[in-house]
All heavy atoms as atom14 arrays in JSON, in Angstrom:
{
  "sequence": "GHVLGLGDSSEPSDIMYPIMRTRRLARVSRAGLSQRD",
  "atom14_mask": [
    [1, 1, 1, 1, 0, 0, 0, 0, 0, 0, 0, 0, 0, 0],
    [1, 1, 1, 1, 1, 1, 1, 1, 1, 1, 0, 0, 0, 0],
    [1, 1, 1, 1, 1, 1, 1, 0, 0, 0, 0, 0, 0, 0],
    [1, 1, 1, 1, 1, 1, 1, 1, 0, 0, 0, 0, 0, 0],
    [1, 1, 1, 1, 0, 0, 0, 0, 0, 0, 0, 0, 0, 0],
    [1, 1, 1, 1, 1, 1, 1, 1, 0, 0, 0, 0, 0, 0],
    [1, 1, 1, 1, 0, 0, 0, 0, 0, 0, 0, 0, 0, 0],
    [1, 1, 1, 1, 1, 1, 1, 1, 0, 0, 0, 0, 0, 0],
    [1, 1, 1, 1, 1, 1, 0, 0, 0, 0, 0, 0, 0, 0],
    [1, 1, 1, 1, 1, 1, 0, 0, 0, 0, 0, 0, 0, 0],
    [1, 1, 1, 1, 1, 1, 1, 1, 1, 0, 0, 0, 0, 0],
    [1, 1, 1, 1, 1, 1, 1, 0, 0, 0, 0, 0, 0, 0],
    [1, 1, 1, 1, 1, 1, 0, 0, 0, 0, 0, 0, 0, 0],
    [1, 1, 1, 1, 1, 1, 1, 1, 0, 0, 0, 0, 0, 0],
    [1, 1, 1, 1, 1, 1, 1, 1, 0, 0, 0, 0, 0, 0],
    [1, 1, 1, 1, 1, 1, 1, 1, 0, 0, 0, 0, 0, 0],
    [1, 1, 1, 1, 1, 1, 1, 1, 1, 1, 1, 1, 0, 0],
    [1, 1, 1, 1, 1, 1, 1, 0, 0, 0, 0, 0, 0, 0],
    [1, 1, 1, 1, 1, 1, 1, 1, 0, 0, 0, 0, 0, 0],
    [1, 1, 1, 1, 1, 1, 1, 1, 0, 0, 0, 0, 0, 0],
    [1, 1, 1, 1, 1, 1, 1, 1, 1, 1, 1, 0, 0, 0],
    [1, 1, 1, 1, 1, 1, 1, 0, 0, 0, 0, 0, 0, 0],
    [1, 1, 1, 1, 1, 1, 1, 1, 1, 1, 1, 0, 0, 0],
    [1, 1, 1, 1, 1, 1, 1, 1, 1, 1, 1, 0, 0, 0],
    [1, 1, 1, 1, 1, 1, 1, 1, 0, 0, 0, 0, 0, 0],
    [1, 1, 1, 1, 1, 0, 0, 0, 0, 0, 0, 0, 0, 0],
    [1, 1, 1, 1, 1, 1, 1, 1, 1, 1, 1, 0, 0, 0],
    [1, 1, 1, 1, 1, 1, 1, 0, 0, 0, 0, 0, 0, 0],
    [1, 1, 1, 1, 1, 1, 0, 0, 0, 0, 0, 0, 0, 0],
    [1, 1, 1, 1, 1, 1, 1, 1, 1, 1, 1, 0, 0, 0],
    [1, 1, 1, 1, 1, 0, 0, 0, 0, 0, 0, 0, 0, 0],
    [1, 1, 1, 1, 0, 0, 0, 0, 0, 0, 0, 0, 0, 0],
    [1, 1, 1, 1, 1, 1, 1, 1, 0, 0, 0, 0, 0, 0],
    [1, 1, 1, 1, 1, 1, 0, 0, 0, 0, 0, 0, 0, 0],
    [1, 1, 1, 1, 1, 1, 1, 1, 1, 0, 0, 0, 0, 0],
    [1, 1, 1, 1, 1, 1, 1, 1, 1, 1, 1, 0, 0, 0],
    [1, 1, 1, 1, 1, 1, 1, 1, 0, 0, 0, 0, 0, 0]
  ],
  "atom14_positions": [
    [[91.62, 106.79, 111.67], [92.91, 106.31, 111.77], [93.98, 107.19, 111.01], [94.94, 107.35, 111.55], [0.0, 0.0, 0.0], [0.0, 0.0, 0.0], [0.0, 0.0, 0.0], [0.0, 0.0, 0.0], [0.0, 0.0, 0.0], [0.0, 0.0, 0.0], [0.0, 0.0, 0.0], [0.0, 0.0, 0.0], [0.0, 0.0, 0.0], [0.0, 0.0, 0.0]],
    [[93.55, 107.78, 109.87], [94.36, 108.69, 109.19], [94.6, 110.0, 110.06], [95.7, 110.43, 110.11], [93.84, 109.21, 107.88], [93.89, 108.1, 106.76], [94.94, 107.39, 106.45], [92.89, 107.72, 105.91], [94.76, 106.48, 105.61], [93.45, 106.62, 105.15], [0.0, 0.0, 0.0], [0.0, 0.0, 0.0], [0.0, 0.0, 0.0], [0.0, 0.0, 0.0]],
    [[93.55, 110.46, 110.76], [93.7, 111.58, 111.62], [94.68, 111.38, 112.74], [95.41, 112.19, 113.1], [92.25, 111.88, 112.25], [92.39, 112.92, 113.44], [91.36, 112.6, 111.23], [0.0, 0.0, 0.0], [0.0, 0.0, 0.0], [0.0, 0.0, 0.0], [0.0, 0.0, 0.0], [0.0, 0.0, 0.0], [0.0, 0.0, 0.0], [0.0, 0.0, 0.0]],
    [[94.7, 110.03, 113.3], [95.56, 109.62, 114.32], [97.03, 109.58, 113.74], [98.03, 109.42, 114.51], [95.17, 108.29, 114.94], [93.87, 108.43, 115.7], [93.34, 106.97, 116.08], [94.07, 109.21, 116.98], [0.0, 0.0, 0.0], [0.0, 0.0, 0.0], [0.0, 0.0, 0.0], [0.0, 0.0, 0.0], [0.0, 0.0, 0.0], [0.0, 0.0, 0.0]],
    [[97.29, 109.4, 112.38], [98.65, 109.39, 111.88], [98.8, 108.1, 111.21], [99.95, 107.87, 110.53], [0.0, 0.0, 0.0], [0.0, 0.0, 0.0], [0.0, 0.0, 0.0], [0.0, 0.0, 0.0], [0.0, 0.0, 0.0], [0.0, 0.0, 0.0], [0.0, 0.0, 0.0], [0.0, 0.0, 0.0], [0.0, 0.0, 0.0], [0.0, 0.0, 0.0]],
    [[97.9, 107.11, 111.07], [98.09, 105.96, 110.25], [97.97, 106.11, 108.73], [97.08, 106.95, 108.42], [97.1, 104.81, 110.75], [97.26, 104.26, 112.11], [96.13, 103.33, 112.4], [98.7, 103.7, 112.27], [0.0, 0.0, 0.0], [0.0, 0.0, 0.0], [0.0, 0.0, 0.0], [0.0, 0.0, 0.0], [0.0, 0.0, 0.0], [0.0, 0.0, 0.0]],
    [[98.66, 105.47, 107.98], [98.59, 105.5, 106.51], [97.83, 104.27, 106.13], [97.2, 103.64, 106.94], [0.0, 0.0, 0.0], [0.0, 0.0, 0.0], [0.0, 0.0, 0.0], [0.0, 0.0, 0.0], [0.0, 0.0, 0.0], [0.0, 0.0, 0.0], [0.0, 0.0, 0.0], [0.0, 0.0, 0.0], [0.0, 0.0, 0.0], [0.0, 0.0, 0.0]],
    [[97.82, 104.0, 104.75], [97.18, 102.94, 104.23], [97.96, 101.63, 104.44], [99.05, 101.5, 104.78], [97.07, 102.97, 102.71], [95.99, 104.07, 102.4], [95.19, 104.39, 103.14], [96.13, 104.67, 101.3], [0.0, 0.0, 0.0], [0.0, 0.0, 0.0], [0.0, 0.0, 0.0], [0.0, 0.0, 0.0], [0.0, 0.0, 0.0], [0.0, 0.0, 0.0]],
    [[97.18, 100.51, 104.55], [97.79, 99.21, 104.59], [97.66, 98.4, 103.27], [96.63, 98.59, 102.58], [97.01, 98.49, 105.74], [97.4, 97.04, 105.72], [0.0, 0.0, 0.0], [0.0, 0.0, 0.0], [0.0, 0.0, 0.0], [0.0, 0.0, 0.0], [0.0, 0.0, 0.0], [0.0, 0.0, 0.0], [0.0, 0.0, 0.0], [0.0, 0.0, 0.0]],
    [[98.51, 97.45, 103.05], [98.29, 96.62, 101.9], [97.55, 95.39, 102.11], [97.3, 94.59, 101.14], [99.73, 96.25, 101.33], [100.41, 95.47, 102.31], [0.0, 0.0, 0.0], [0.0, 0.0, 0.0], [0.0, 0.0, 0.0], [0.0, 0.0, 0.0], [0.0, 0.0, 0.0], [0.0, 0.0, 0.0], [0.0, 0.0, 0.0], [0.0, 0.0, 0.0]],
    [[97.12, 95.21, 103.33], [96.37, 93.93, 103.67], [94.85, 94.15, 103.71], [94.31, 95.04, 104.51], [96.76, 93.49, 105.07], [96.09, 92.29, 105.61], [96.08, 91.09, 104.64], [97.16, 90.81, 104.16], [95.07, 90.43, 104.37], [0.0, 0.0, 0.0], [0.0, 0.0, 0.0], [0.0, 0.0, 0.0], [0.0, 0.0, 0.0], [0.0, 0.0, 0.0]],
    [[94.13, 93.51, 102.83], [92.56, 93.83, 102.66], [91.83, 93.57, 104.07], [90.77, 94.23, 104.16], [92.17, 92.83, 101.68], [93.29, 92.52, 100.89], [94.51, 92.63, 101.77], [0.0, 0.0, 0.0], [0.0, 0.0, 0.0], [0.0, 0.0, 0.0], [0.0, 0.0, 0.0], [0.0, 0.0, 0.0], [0.0, 0.0, 0.0], [0.0, 0.0, 0.0]],
    [[92.26, 92.85, 104.91], [91.59, 92.61, 106.16], [91.77, 93.72, 107.24], [91.03, 93.8, 108.22], [91.97, 91.27, 106.85], [93.3, 91.28, 107.19], [0.0, 0.0, 0.0], [0.0, 0.0, 0.0], [0.0, 0.0, 0.0], [0.0, 0.0, 0.0], [0.0, 0.0, 0.0], [0.0, 0.0, 0.0], [0.0, 0.0, 0.0], [0.0, 0.0, 0.0]],
    [[92.67, 94.68, 106.91], [92.93, 95.82, 107.79], [91.89, 96.91, 107.58], [91.44, 97.14, 106.55], [94.28, 96.38, 107.59], [95.41, 95.35, 107.99], [95.09, 94.39, 108.74], [96.56, 95.65, 107.56], [0.0, 0.0, 0.0], [0.0, 0.0, 0.0], [0.0, 0.0, 0.0], [0.0, 0.0, 0.0], [0.0, 0.0, 0.0], [0.0, 0.0, 0.0]],
    [[91.59, 97.6, 108.59], [90.62, 98.75, 108.53], [91.27, 99.86, 107.7], [90.56, 100.56, 106.93], [90.1, 99.31, 109.86], [88.82, 99.95, 109.67], [91.25, 100.23, 110.48], [87.69, 99.1, 109.57], [0.0, 0.0, 0.0], [0.0, 0.0, 0.0], [0.0, 0.0, 0.0], [0.0, 0.0, 0.0], [0.0, 0.0, 0.0], [0.0, 0.0, 0.0]],
    [[92.57, 99.93, 107.66], [93.37, 100.92, 106.91], [93.64, 100.6, 105.46], [94.24, 101.27, 104.72], [94.66, 101.17, 107.74], [94.4, 101.91, 109.02], [93.26, 103.33, 109.12], [94.14, 104.51, 108.18], [0.0, 0.0, 0.0], [0.0, 0.0, 0.0], [0.0, 0.0, 0.0], [0.0, 0.0, 0.0], [0.0, 0.0, 0.0], [0.0, 0.0, 0.0]],
    [[93.07, 99.41, 105.04], [93.13, 99.09, 103.54], [92.27, 100.08, 102.81], [91.29, 100.42, 103.18], [92.52, 97.71, 103.33], [92.65, 97.1, 101.92], [94.02, 96.88, 101.46], [91.68, 96.88, 101.16], [94.16, 96.38, 100.2], [91.82, 96.45, 99.8], [93.02, 96.15, 99.38], [93.19, 95.6, 98.09], [0.0, 0.0, 0.0], [0.0, 0.0, 0.0]],
    [[92.84, 100.74, 101.75], [92.22, 101.89, 101.1], [90.94, 101.63, 100.16], [90.38, 102.54, 99.74], [93.3, 102.52, 100.21], [94.21, 101.34, 99.93], [94.12, 100.47, 101.24], [0.0, 0.0, 0.0], [0.0, 0.0, 0.0], [0.0, 0.0, 0.0], [0.0, 0.0, 0.0], [0.0, 0.0, 0.0], [0.0, 0.0, 0.0], [0.0, 0.0, 0.0]],
    [[90.66, 100.39, 100.03], [89.45, 100.01, 99.19], [88.33, 99.42, 100.1], [88.71, 98.51, 100.9], [89.87, 99.08, 98.16], [90.99, 99.79, 97.18], [88.73, 98.63, 97.23], [91.65, 98.74, 96.24], [0.0, 0.0, 0.0], [0.0, 0.0, 0.0], [0.0, 0.0, 0.0], [0.0, 0.0, 0.0], [0.0, 0.0, 0.0], [0.0, 0.0, 0.0]],
    [[87.21, 99.84, 99.96], [86.08, 99.33, 100.8], [85.88, 97.88, 100.57], [86.02, 97.36, 99.36], [84.74, 100.03, 100.45], [83.65, 99.71, 101.42], [82.11, 100.58, 101.19], [81.42, 99.79, 99.81], [0.0, 0.0, 0.0], [0.0, 0.0, 0.0], [0.0, 0.0, 0.0], [0.0, 0.0, 0.0], [0.0, 0.0, 0.0], [0.0, 0.0, 0.0]],
    [[85.69, 97.13, 101.62], [85.5, 95.73, 101.52], [84.19, 95.37, 100.72], [83.15, 96.16, 100.8], [85.3, 95.14, 102.88], [86.62, 95.32, 103.58], [86.45, 94.62, 104.91], [87.76, 94.69, 105.67], [87.88, 95.15, 106.85], [86.88, 95.63, 107.54], [89.14, 95.08, 107.39], [0.0, 0.0, 0.0], [0.0, 0.0, 0.0], [0.0, 0.0, 0.0]],
    [[84.16, 94.24, 99.96], [82.96, 93.85, 99.26], [82.05, 93.26, 100.12], [80.89, 93.14, 99.9], [83.42, 92.86, 98.1], [84.15, 91.81, 98.71], [84.24, 93.52, 97.14], [0.0, 0.0, 0.0], [0.0, 0.0, 0.0], [0.0, 0.0, 0.0], [0.0, 0.0, 0.0], [0.0, 0.0, 0.0], [0.0, 0.0, 0.0], [0.0, 0.0, 0.0]],
    [[82.51, 92.65, 101.39], [81.67, 92.2, 102.3], [80.71, 93.2, 102.93], [81.13, 94.27, 103.31], [82.43, 91.64, 103.49], [81.86, 91.02, 104.62], [82.72, 90.62, 105.8], [83.48, 91.8, 106.06], [84.23, 91.87, 107.12], [84.42, 90.93, 107.87], [84.84, 93.1, 107.49], [0.0, 0.0, 0.0], [0.0, 0.0, 0.0], [0.0, 0.0, 0.0]],
    [[79.4, 93.04, 102.87], [78.56, 94.04, 103.32], [78.14, 93.79, 104.76], [77.64, 92.74, 105.06], [77.31, 93.97, 102.41], [77.51, 94.28, 100.93], [76.4, 94.19, 100.0], [75.49, 95.32, 100.3], [75.66, 96.63, 99.87], [76.82, 96.95, 99.35], [74.86, 97.52, 100.05], [0.0, 0.0, 0.0], [0.0, 0.0, 0.0], [0.0, 0.0, 0.0]],
    [[78.23, 94.87, 105.54], [78.06, 94.85, 106.97], [76.81, 95.64, 107.3], [76.95, 96.94, 107.19], [79.28, 95.33, 107.76], [80.49, 94.63, 107.58], [81.62, 95.22, 108.42], [80.45, 93.23, 108.04], [0.0, 0.0, 0.0], [0.0, 0.0, 0.0], [0.0, 0.0, 0.0], [0.0, 0.0, 0.0], [0.0, 0.0, 0.0], [0.0, 0.0, 0.0]],
    [[75.76, 95.04, 107.69], [74.42, 95.9, 107.91], [74.68, 96.54, 109.3], [74.12, 97.55, 109.46], [73.26, 94.86, 107.79], [0.0, 0.0, 0.0], [0.0, 0.0, 0.0], [0.0, 0.0, 0.0], [0.0, 0.0, 0.0], [0.0, 0.0, 0.0], [0.0, 0.0, 0.0], [0.0, 0.0, 0.0], [0.0, 0.0, 0.0], [0.0, 0.0, 0.0]],
    [[75.15, 95.84, 110.25], [75.31, 96.34, 111.61], [76.58, 97.15, 111.82], [77.6, 96.56, 111.54], [75.03, 95.26, 112.6], [73.75, 94.61, 112.56], [73.44, 93.76, 113.76], [74.6, 93.01, 114.31], [74.73, 91.67, 114.29], [73.84, 90.89, 113.75], [75.8, 91.19, 114.88], [0.0, 0.0, 0.0], [0.0, 0.0, 0.0], [0.0, 0.0, 0.0]],
    [[76.4, 98.24, 112.46], [77.58, 99.06, 112.87], [78.57, 98.4, 113.75], [79.79, 98.43, 113.64], [77.08, 100.47, 113.47], [78.34, 101.05, 114.11], [76.34, 101.32, 112.51], [0.0, 0.0, 0.0], [0.0, 0.0, 0.0], [0.0, 0.0, 0.0], [0.0, 0.0, 0.0], [0.0, 0.0, 0.0], [0.0, 0.0, 0.0], [0.0, 0.0, 0.0]],
    [[78.02, 97.6, 114.63], [78.81, 96.8, 115.58], [79.82, 95.71, 115.03], [80.68, 95.28, 115.61], [77.84, 96.18, 116.7], [77.09, 95.18, 115.93], [0.0, 0.0, 0.0], [0.0, 0.0, 0.0], [0.0, 0.0, 0.0], [0.0, 0.0, 0.0], [0.0, 0.0, 0.0], [0.0, 0.0, 0.0], [0.0, 0.0, 0.0], [0.0, 0.0, 0.0]],
    [[79.59, 95.46, 113.74], [80.46, 94.42, 112.95], [81.8, 95.05, 112.61], [82.65, 94.32, 112.15], [79.62, 93.89, 111.85], [78.37, 93.11, 112.14], [78.7, 91.81, 112.85], [79.64, 91.02, 112.14], [79.48, 89.86, 111.67], [78.34, 89.25, 112.01], [80.41, 89.22, 110.96], [0.0, 0.0, 0.0], [0.0, 0.0, 0.0], [0.0, 0.0, 0.0]],
    [[81.76, 96.37, 112.61], [83.06, 97.08, 112.07], [84.07, 97.0, 113.21], [83.73, 97.34, 114.4], [82.65, 98.5, 111.72], [0.0, 0.0, 0.0], [0.0, 0.0, 0.0], [0.0, 0.0, 0.0], [0.0, 0.0, 0.0], [0.0, 0.0, 0.0], [0.0, 0.0, 0.0], [0.0, 0.0, 0.0], [0.0, 0.0, 0.0], [0.0, 0.0, 0.0]],
    [[85.27, 96.58, 112.91], [86.3, 96.54, 113.94], [87.65, 96.62, 113.27], [88.0, 96.53, 112.15], [0.0, 0.0, 0.0], [0.0, 0.0, 0.0], [0.0, 0.0, 0.0], [0.0, 0.0, 0.0], [0.0, 0.0, 0.0], [0.0, 0.0, 0.0], [0.0, 0.0, 0.0], [0.0, 0.0, 0.0], [0.0, 0.0, 0.0], [0.0, 0.0, 0.0]],
    [[88.64, 96.72, 114.3], [90.13, 96.76, 113.81], [90.57, 95.32, 113.86], [90.22, 94.43, 114.54], [90.82, 97.62, 114.94], [90.42, 98.99, 115.23], [91.21, 99.64, 116.37], [90.54, 99.79, 113.92], [0.0, 0.0, 0.0], [0.0, 0.0, 0.0], [0.0, 0.0, 0.0], [0.0, 0.0, 0.0], [0.0, 0.0, 0.0], [0.0, 0.0, 0.0]],
    [[91.55, 95.16, 112.89], [92.35, 93.97, 112.86], [93.56, 93.97, 113.85], [93.86, 94.95, 114.34], [92.94, 93.73, 111.42], [93.93, 94.65, 111.28], [0.0, 0.0, 0.0], [0.0, 0.0, 0.0], [0.0, 0.0, 0.0], [0.0, 0.0, 0.0], [0.0, 0.0, 0.0], [0.0, 0.0, 0.0], [0.0, 0.0, 0.0], [0.0, 0.0, 0.0]],
    [[94.07, 92.83, 114.03], [95.24, 92.71, 114.9], [96.44, 93.62, 114.38], [97.13, 94.2, 115.12], [95.69, 91.35, 115.16], [94.76, 90.51, 115.98], [94.56, 91.1, 117.49], [95.5, 91.58, 118.04], [93.31, 91.08, 117.86], [0.0, 0.0, 0.0], [0.0, 0.0, 0.0], [0.0, 0.0, 0.0], [0.0, 0.0, 0.0], [0.0, 0.0, 0.0]],
    [[96.5, 93.7, 113.04], [97.48, 94.47, 112.42], [97.31, 95.92, 112.62], [98.18, 96.71, 112.79], [97.63, 94.14, 110.96], [98.33, 92.7, 110.66], [98.0, 92.37, 109.12], [98.37, 93.41, 108.29], [99.44, 93.8, 107.63], [100.6, 93.23, 108.01], [99.59, 94.96, 106.88], [0.0, 0.0, 0.0], [0.0, 0.0, 0.0], [0.0, 0.0, 0.0]],
    [[96.02, 96.4, 112.6], [95.61, 97.76, 112.9], [96.01, 98.12, 114.25], [96.66, 99.14, 114.57], [94.1, 98.01, 112.73], [93.59, 97.77, 111.31], [94.25, 98.3, 110.33], [92.51, 97.22, 111.28], [0.0, 0.0, 0.0], [0.0, 0.0, 0.0], [0.0, 0.0, 0.0], [0.0, 0.0, 0.0], [0.0, 0.0, 0.0], [0.0, 0.0, 0.0]]
  ]
}
């Protein structure tokens, strides 16, 4: 997302939030973009 030109987001549910989520995702397919992203 940074490569594409996006900066950080202040919303923890966004992929561009700069701190890794505490929710643990074992499956790659669970990672996705928010509506805000």
